[in-house]
PDB file of N, CA and C in Angstrom:
ATOM      1  N   MET A   1       0.852  -1.176   0.000  1.00  0.00           N
ATOM      2  CA  MET A   1       0.000   0.000   0.000  1.00  0.00           C
ATOM      3  C   MET A   1       0.896   1.237   0.000  1.00  0.00           C
ATOM      4  N   GLU A   2       0.572   2.140  -0.859  1.00  0.00           N
ATOM      5  CA  GLU A   2       1.354   3.361  -1.048  1.00  0.00           C
ATOM      6  C   GLU A   2       0.649   4.523  -0.350  1.00  0.00           C
ATOM      7  N   LYS A   3       1.228   5.015   0.734  1.00  0.00           N
ATOM      8  CA  LYS A   3       0.604   6.120   1.479  1.00  0.00           C
ATOM      9  C   LYS A   3       0.976   7.458   0.865  1.00  0.00           C
ATOM     10  N   ILE A   4       0.131   8.442   1.125  1.00  0.00           N
ATOM     11  CA  ILE A   4       0.361   9.788   0.639  1.00  0.00           C
ATOM     12  C   ILE A   4       0.507  10.727   1.816  1.00  0.00           C
ATOM     13  N   GLU A   5       1.256  11.783   1.618  1.00  0.00           N
ATOM     14  CA  GLU A   5       1.567  12.699   2.708  1.00  0.00           C
ATOM     15  C   GLU A   5       0.590  13.856   2.833  1.00  0.00           C
ATOM     16  N   ASP A   6       0.143  14.409   1.727  1.00  0.00           N
ATOM     17  CA  ASP A   6      -0.646  15.641   1.775  1.00  0.00           C
ATOM     18  C   ASP A   6      -2.148  15.390   1.765  1.00  0.00           C
ATOM     19  N   VAL A   7      -2.591  14.489   2.654  1.00  0.00           N
ATOM     20  CA  VAL A   7      -4.018  14.207   2.777  1.00  0.00           C
ATOM     21  C   VAL A   7      -4.352  14.107   4.261  1.00  0.00           C
ATOM     22  N   GLU A   8      -5.517  14.613   4.612  1.00  0.00           N
ATOM     23  CA  GLU A   8      -5.994  14.548   5.989  1.00  0.00           C
ATOM     24  C   GLU A   8      -7.269  13.712   5.994  1.00  0.00           C
ATOM     25  N   VAL A   9      -7.287  12.672   6.838  1.00  0.00           N
ATOM     26  CA  VAL A   9      -8.442  11.796   6.958  1.00  0.00           C
ATOM     27  C   VAL A   9      -8.934  11.917   8.392  1.00  0.00           C
ATOM     28  N   VAL A  10     -10.169  12.433   8.558  1.00  0.00           N
ATOM     29  CA  VAL A  10     -10.702  12.691   9.898  1.00  0.00           C
ATOM     30  C   VAL A  10     -12.177  12.309   9.970  1.00  0.00           C
ATOM     31  N   LYS A  11     -12.638  12.143  11.208  1.00  0.00           N
ATOM     32  CA  LYS A  11     -14.065  11.942  11.463  1.00  0.00           C
ATOM     33  C   LYS A  11     -14.577  13.205  12.133  1.00  0.00           C
ATOM     34  N   ASP A  12     -15.660  13.755  11.587  1.00  0.00           N
ATOM     35  CA  ASP A  12     -16.273  14.966  12.130  1.00  0.00           C
ATOM     36  C   ASP A  12     -17.737  14.634  12.425  1.00  0.00           C
ATOM     37  N   GLY A  13     -18.026  14.277  13.673  1.00  0.00           N
ATOM     38  CA  GLY A  13     -19.367  13.806  14.017  1.00  0.00           C
ATOM     39  C   GLY A  13     -19.608  12.463  13.363  1.00  0.00           C
ATOM     40  N   ASP A  14     -20.631  12.389  12.516  1.00  0.00           N
ATOM     41  CA  ASP A  14     -20.954  11.146  11.806  1.00  0.00           C
ATOM     42  C   ASP A  14     -20.422  11.137  10.379  1.00  0.00           C
ATOM     43  N   ILE A  15     -19.642  12.139  10.012  1.00  0.00           N
ATOM     44  CA  ILE A  15     -19.128  12.279   8.647  1.00  0.00           C
ATOM     45  C   ILE A  15     -17.619  12.011   8.644  1.00  0.00           C
ATOM     46  N   TYR A  16     -17.169  11.293   7.633  1.00  0.00           N
ATOM     47  CA  TYR A  16     -15.746  11.025   7.443  1.00  0.00           C
ATOM     48  C   TYR A  16     -15.256  11.913   6.307  1.00  0.00           C
ATOM     49  N   LEU A  17     -14.174  12.636   6.565  1.00  0.00           N
ATOM     50  CA  LEU A  17     -13.669  13.624   5.609  1.00  0.00           C
ATOM     51  C   LEU A  17     -12.274  13.251   5.129  1.00  0.00           C
ATOM     52  N   VAL A  18     -12.057  13.415   3.838  1.00  0.00           N
ATOM     53  CA  VAL A  18     -10.731  13.268   3.227  1.00  0.00           C
ATOM     54  C   VAL A  18     -10.445  14.604   2.574  1.00  0.00           C
ATOM     55  N   ARG A  19      -9.445  15.310   3.111  1.00  0.00           N
ATOM     56  CA  ARG A  19      -9.160  16.677   2.661  1.00  0.00           C
ATOM     57  C   ARG A  19      -7.705  16.826   2.250  1.00  0.00           C
ATOM     58  N   GLY A  20      -7.445  17.882   1.528  1.00  0.00           N
ATOM     59  CA  GLY A  20      -6.091  18.206   1.124  1.00  0.00           C
ATOM     60  C   GLY A  20      -5.964  18.307  -0.380  1.00  0.00           C
ATOM     61  N   GLU A  21      -4.814  18.746  -0.810  1.00  0.00           N
ATOM     62  CA  GLU A  21      -4.559  18.954  -2.233  1.00  0.00           C
ATOM     63  C   GLU A  21      -4.691  17.656  -3.030  1.00  0.00           C
ATOM     64  N   TRP A  22      -4.190  16.560  -2.473  1.00  0.00           N
ATOM     65  CA  TRP A  22      -4.289  15.275  -3.160  1.00  0.00           C
ATOM     66  C   TRP A  22      -5.754  14.911  -3.411  1.00  0.00           C
ATOM     67  N   ALA A  23      -6.617  15.083  -2.404  1.00  0.00           N
ATOM     68  CA  ALA A  23      -8.044  14.764  -2.539  1.00  0.00           C
ATOM     69  C   ALA A  23      -8.689  15.656  -3.593  1.00  0.00           C
ATOM     70  N   ARG A  24      -8.339  16.931  -3.598  1.00  0.00           N
ATOM     71  CA  ARG A  24      -8.884  17.860  -4.586  1.00  0.00           C
ATOM     72  C   ARG A  24      -8.504  17.420  -6.003  1.00  0.00           C
ATOM     73  N   LYS A  25      -7.244  17.070  -6.195  1.00  0.00           N
ATOM     74  CA  LYS A  25      -6.785  16.644  -7.521  1.00  0.00           C
ATOM     75  C   LYS A  25      -7.449  15.338  -7.951  1.00  0.00           C
ATOM     76  N   LEU A  26      -7.586  14.401  -7.021  1.00  0.00           N
ATOM     77  CA  LEU A  26      -8.210  13.126  -7.359  1.00  0.00           C
ATOM     78  C   LEU A  26      -9.650  13.342  -7.804  1.00  0.00           C
ATOM     79  N   VAL A  27     -10.429  14.071  -7.019  1.00  0.00           N
ATOM     80  CA  VAL A  27     -11.829  14.310  -7.373  1.00  0.00           C
ATOM     81  C   VAL A  27     -11.924  15.063  -8.696  1.00  0.00           C
ATOM     82  N   GLY A  28     -11.034  16.003  -8.922  1.00  0.00           N
ATOM     83  CA  GLY A  28     -11.039  16.761 -10.170  1.00  0.00           C
ATOM     84  C   GLY A  28     -10.719  15.923 -11.390  1.00  0.00           C
ATOM     85  N   SER A  29     -10.059  14.783 -11.184  1.00  0.00           N
ATOM     86  CA  SER A  29      -9.684  13.931 -12.315  1.00  0.00           C
ATOM     87  C   SER A  29     -10.725  12.860 -12.629  1.00  0.00           C
ATOM     88  N   ILE A  30     -11.797  12.794 -11.840  1.00  0.00           N
ATOM     89  CA  ILE A  30     -12.785  11.731 -11.982  1.00  0.00           C
ATOM     90  C   ILE A  30     -14.033  12.241 -12.714  1.00  0.00           C
ATOM     91  N   ASN A  31     -14.514  11.440 -13.651  1.00  0.00           N
ATOM     92  CA  ASN A  31     -15.804  11.682 -14.294  1.00  0.00           C
ATOM     93  C   ASN A  31     -16.820  10.869 -13.508  1.00  0.00           C
ATOM     94  N   MET A  32     -17.573  11.529 -12.633  1.00  0.00           N
ATOM     95  CA  MET A  32     -18.463  10.830 -11.717  1.00  0.00           C
ATOM     96  C   MET A  32     -19.628  10.131 -12.417  1.00  0.00           C
ATOM     97  N   SER A  33     -19.848  10.383 -13.686  1.00  0.00           N
ATOM     98  CA  SER A  33     -20.911   9.691 -14.410  1.00  0.00           C
ATOM     99  C   SER A  33     -20.377   8.474 -15.171  1.00  0.00           C
ATOM    100  N   SER A  34     -19.087   8.196 -15.029  1.00  0.00           N
ATOM    101  CA  SER A  34     -18.461   7.068 -15.717  1.00  0.00           C
ATOM    102  C   SER A  34     -18.146   5.951 -14.716  1.00  0.00           C
ATOM    103  N   TYR A  35     -18.689   4.756 -14.962  1.00  0.00           N
ATOM    104  CA  TYR A  35     -18.444   3.609 -14.093  1.00  0.00           C
ATOM    105  C   TYR A  35     -16.943   3.317 -13.972  1.00  0.00           C
ATOM    106  N   GLU A  36     -16.235   3.331 -15.095  1.00  0.00           N
ATOM    107  CA  GLU A  36     -14.805   3.023 -15.086  1.00  0.00           C
ATOM    108  C   GLU A  36     -14.032   4.059 -14.273  1.00  0.00           C
ATOM    109  N   SER A  37     -14.420   5.308 -14.401  1.00  0.00           N
ATOM    110  CA  SER A  37     -13.759   6.375 -13.654  1.00  0.00           C
ATOM    111  C   SER A  37     -14.013   6.222 -12.152  1.00  0.00           C
ATOM    112  N   LEU A  38     -15.227   5.860 -11.788  1.00  0.00           N
ATOM    113  CA  LEU A  38     -15.539   5.631 -10.372  1.00  0.00           C
ATOM    114  C   LEU A  38     -14.779   4.431  -9.825  1.00  0.00           C
ATOM    115  N   GLN A  39     -14.582   3.415 -10.661  1.00  0.00           N
ATOM    116  CA  GLN A  39     -13.785   2.265 -10.246  1.00  0.00           C
ATOM    117  C   GLN A  39     -12.335   2.681  -9.983  1.00  0.00           C
ATOM    118  N   TYR A  40     -11.801   3.531 -10.844  1.00  0.00           N
ATOM    119  CA  TYR A  40     -10.459   4.071 -10.649  1.00  0.00           C
ATOM    120  C   TYR A  40     -10.383   4.835  -9.324  1.00  0.00           C
ATOM    121  N   PHE A  41     -11.382   5.672  -9.047  1.00  0.00           N
ATOM    122  CA  PHE A  41     -11.466   6.438  -7.807  1.00  0.00           C
ATOM    123  C   PHE A  41     -11.399   5.497  -6.609  1.00  0.00           C
ATOM    124  N   GLN A  42     -12.202   4.439  -6.632  1.00  0.00           N
ATOM    125  CA  GLN A  42     -12.232   3.477  -5.534  1.00  0.00           C
ATOM    126  C   GLN A  42     -10.886   2.765  -5.381  1.00  0.00           C
ATOM    127  N   ARG A  43     -10.328   2.304  -6.480  1.00  0.00           N
ATOM    128  CA  ARG A  43      -9.028   1.617  -6.422  1.00  0.00           C
ATOM    129  C   ARG A  43      -7.941   2.535  -5.880  1.00  0.00           C
ATOM    130  N   THR A  44      -7.971   3.793  -6.265  1.00  0.00           N
ATOM    131  CA  THR A  44      -6.964   4.743  -5.798  1.00  0.00           C
ATOM    132  C   THR A  44      -7.078   4.975  -4.296  1.00  0.00           C
ATOM    133  N   LEU A  45      -8.297   5.108  -3.792  1.00  0.00           N
ATOM    134  CA  LEU A  45      -8.487   5.279  -2.341  1.00  0.00           C
ATOM    135  C   LEU A  45      -7.952   4.070  -1.572  1.00  0.00           C
ATOM    136  N   ILE A  46      -8.137   2.886  -2.124  1.00  0.00           N
ATOM    137  CA  ILE A  46      -7.626   1.672  -1.485  1.00  0.00           C
ATOM    138  C   ILE A  46      -6.101   1.625  -1.586  1.00  0.00           C
ATOM    139  N   LYS A  47      -5.574   1.820  -2.778  1.00  0.00           N
ATOM    140  CA  LYS A  47      -4.126   1.723  -3.019  1.00  0.00           C
ATOM    141  C   LYS A  47      -3.327   2.718  -2.182  1.00  0.00           C
ATOM    142  N   LYS A  48      -3.851   3.907  -2.004  1.00  0.00           N
ATOM    143  CA  LYS A  48      -3.146   4.947  -1.265  1.00  0.00           C
ATOM    144  C   LYS A  48      -3.352   4.855   0.247  1.00  0.00           C
ATOM    145  N   GLY A  49      -4.136   3.881   0.710  1.00  0.00           N
ATOM    146  CA  GLY A  49      -4.311   3.677   2.141  1.00  0.00           C
ATOM    147  C   GLY A  49      -5.399   4.522   2.780  1.00  0.00           C
ATOM    148  N   VAL A  50      -6.129   5.273   1.969  1.00  0.00           N
ATOM    149  CA  VAL A  50      -7.164   6.145   2.505  1.00  0.00           C
ATOM    150  C   VAL A  50      -8.308   5.325   3.100  1.00  0.00           C
ATOM    151  N   MET A  51      -8.723   4.262   2.429  1.00  0.00           N
ATOM    152  CA  MET A  51      -9.815   3.443   2.957  1.00  0.00           C
ATOM    153  C   MET A  51      -9.416   2.797   4.275  1.00  0.00           C
ATOM    154  N   LYS A  52      -8.186   2.366   4.400  1.00  0.00           N
ATOM    155  CA  LYS A  52      -7.710   1.779   5.665  1.00  0.00           C
ATOM    156  C   LYS A  52      -7.772   2.820   6.776  1.00  0.00           C
ATOM    157  N   GLN A  53      -7.346   4.043   6.485  1.00  0.00           N
ATOM    158  CA  GLN A  53      -7.404   5.096   7.484  1.00  0.00           C
ATOM    159  C   GLN A  53      -8.839   5.370   7.913  1.00  0.00           C
ATOM    160  N   LEU A  54      -9.758   5.392   6.950  1.00  0.00           N
ATOM    161  CA  LEU A  54     -11.169   5.608   7.262  1.00  0.00           C
ATOM    162  C   LEU A  54     -11.710   4.474   8.123  1.00  0.00           C
ATOM    163  N   GLU A  55     -11.390   3.243   7.758  1.00  0.00           N
ATOM    164  CA  GLU A  55     -11.854   2.095   8.535  1.00  0.00           C
ATOM    165  C   GLU A  55     -11.249   2.102   9.938  1.00  0.00           C
ATOM    166  N   ASP A  56     -10.007   2.530  10.055  1.00  0.00           N
ATOM    167  CA  ASP A  56      -9.373   2.634  11.380  1.00  0.00           C
ATOM    168  C   ASP A  56     -10.084   3.658  12.264  1.00  0.00           C
ATOM    169  N   LEU A  57     -10.717   4.652  11.638  1.00  0.00           N
ATOM    170  CA  LEU A  57     -11.479   5.660  12.382  1.00  0.00           C
ATOM    171  C   LEU A  57     -12.881   5.172  12.746  1.00  0.00           C
ATOM    172  N   GLY A  58     -13.263   3.982  12.232  1.00  0.00           N
ATOM    173  CA  GLY A  58     -14.552   3.409  12.575  1.00  0.00           C
ATOM    174  C   GLY A  58     -15.565   3.361  11.451  1.00  0.00           C
ATOM    175  N   LEU A  59     -15.158   3.678  10.240  1.00  0.00           N
ATOM    176  CA  LEU A  59     -16.065   3.676   9.084  1.00  0.00           C
ATOM    177  C   LEU A  59     -16.736   2.314   8.928  1.00  0.00           C
ATOM    178  N   LYS A  60     -18.054   2.344   8.715  1.00  0.00           N
ATOM    179  CA  LYS A  60     -18.807   1.115   8.478  1.00  0.00           C
ATOM    180  C   LYS A  60     -19.857   1.361   7.395  1.00  0.00           C
ATOM    181  N   ASP A  61     -20.472   0.269   6.928  1.00  0.00           N
ATOM    182  CA  ASP A  61     -21.482   0.360   5.870  1.00  0.00           C
ATOM    183  C   ASP A  61     -22.525   1.418   6.185  1.00  0.00           C
ATOM    184  N   GLY A  62     -22.828   2.239   5.181  1.00  0.00           N
ATOM    185  CA  GLY A  62     -23.857   3.262   5.311  1.00  0.00           C
ATOM    186  C   GLY A  62     -23.358   4.608   5.795  1.00  0.00           C
ATOM    187  N   ASP A  63     -22.103   4.668   6.285  1.00  0.00           N
ATOM    188  CA  ASP A  63     -21.551   5.943   6.752  1.00  0.00           C
ATOM    189  C   ASP A  63     -21.264   6.864   5.571  1.00  0.00           C
ATOM    190  N   THR A  64     -21.326   8.161   5.836  1.00  0.00           N
ATOM    191  CA  THR A  64     -21.083   9.164   4.807  1.00  0.00           C
ATOM    192  C   THR A  64     -19.604   9.543   4.774  1.00  0.00           C
ATOM    193  N   VAL A  65     -19.060   9.562   3.569  1.00  0.00           N
ATOM    194  CA  VAL A  65     -17.670   9.963   3.341  1.00  0.00           C
ATOM    195  C   VAL A  65     -17.687  11.132   2.364  1.00  0.00           C
ATOM    196  N   ILE A  66     -16.874  12.145   2.654  1.00  0.00           N
ATOM    197  CA  ILE A  66     -16.704  13.253   1.724  1.00  0.00           C
ATOM    198  C   ILE A  66     -15.225  13.341   1.369  1.00  0.00           C
ATOM    199  N   VAL A  67     -14.931  13.130   0.104  1.00  0.00           N
ATOM    200  CA  VAL A  67     -13.571  13.289  -0.415  1.00  0.00           C
ATOM    201  C   VAL A  67     -13.569  14.603  -1.170  1.00  0.00           C
ATOM    202  N   HIS A  68     -12.857  15.577  -0.637  1.00  0.00           N
ATOM    203  CA  HIS A  68     -12.868  16.953  -1.115  1.00  0.00           C
ATOM    204  C   HIS A  68     -14.307  17.463  -1.126  1.00  0.00           C
ATOM    205  N   ASP A  69     -14.978  17.475  -2.262  1.00  0.00           N
ATOM    206  CA  ASP A  69     -16.377  17.913  -2.293  1.00  0.00           C
ATOM    207  C   ASP A  69     -17.299  16.849  -2.892  1.00  0.00           C
ATOM    208  N   PHE A  70     -16.802  15.602  -2.979  1.00  0.00           N
ATOM    209  CA  PHE A  70     -17.597  14.484  -3.483  1.00  0.00           C
ATOM    210  C   PHE A  70     -18.062  13.636  -2.316  1.00  0.00           C
ATOM    211  N   GLU A  71     -19.387  13.542  -2.151  1.00  0.00           N
ATOM    212  CA  GLU A  71     -19.981  12.823  -1.022  1.00  0.00           C
ATOM    213  C   GLU A  71     -20.569  11.491  -1.485  1.00  0.00           C
ATOM    214  N   PHE A  72     -20.331  10.434  -0.679  1.00  0.00           N
ATOM    215  CA  PHE A  72     -20.919   9.133  -0.979  1.00  0.00           C
ATOM    216  C   PHE A  72     -21.135   8.357   0.308  1.00  0.00           C
ATOM    217  N   ASP A  73     -22.008   7.363   0.243  1.00  0.00           N
ATOM    218  CA  ASP A  73     -22.236   6.461   1.356  1.00  0.00           C
ATOM    219  C   ASP A  73     -21.346   5.240   1.168  1.00  0.00           C
ATOM    220  N   TYR A  74     -20.632   4.881   2.218  1.00  0.00           N
ATOM    221  CA  TYR A  74     -19.689   3.773   2.159  1.00  0.00           C
ATOM    222  C   TYR A  74     -20.431   2.441   2.111  1.00  0.00           C
ATOM    223  N   VAL A  75     -19.996   1.567   1.204  1.00  0.00           N
ATOM    224  CA  VAL A  75     -20.483   0.204   1.112  1.00  0.00           C
ATOM    225  C   VAL A  75     -19.266  -0.686   0.941  1.00  0.00           C
ATOM    226  N   LYS A  76     -19.104  -1.635   1.849  1.00  0.00           N
ATOM    227  CA  LYS A  76     -17.924  -2.514   1.775  1.00  0.00           C
ATOM    228  C   LYS A  76     -18.197  -3.656   0.823  1.00  0.00           C
TER     229      LYS A  76
END
């Protein structure tokens, strides 16, 4: 797993946030209406260790995650 330095992964109440320049660039590179692009987004979050960090904070099915300004409900 390849970790990144310029990303902040935090829990704010019931919301999980991924912030920083890396998150902004990732979201900006994704076509959210494209299945393949969303798959890339998911693989990148896993590969970079972001999903592990979120799970370590207590993330579970149905929780809300916001990566930069893209919001989704987590499903394992």
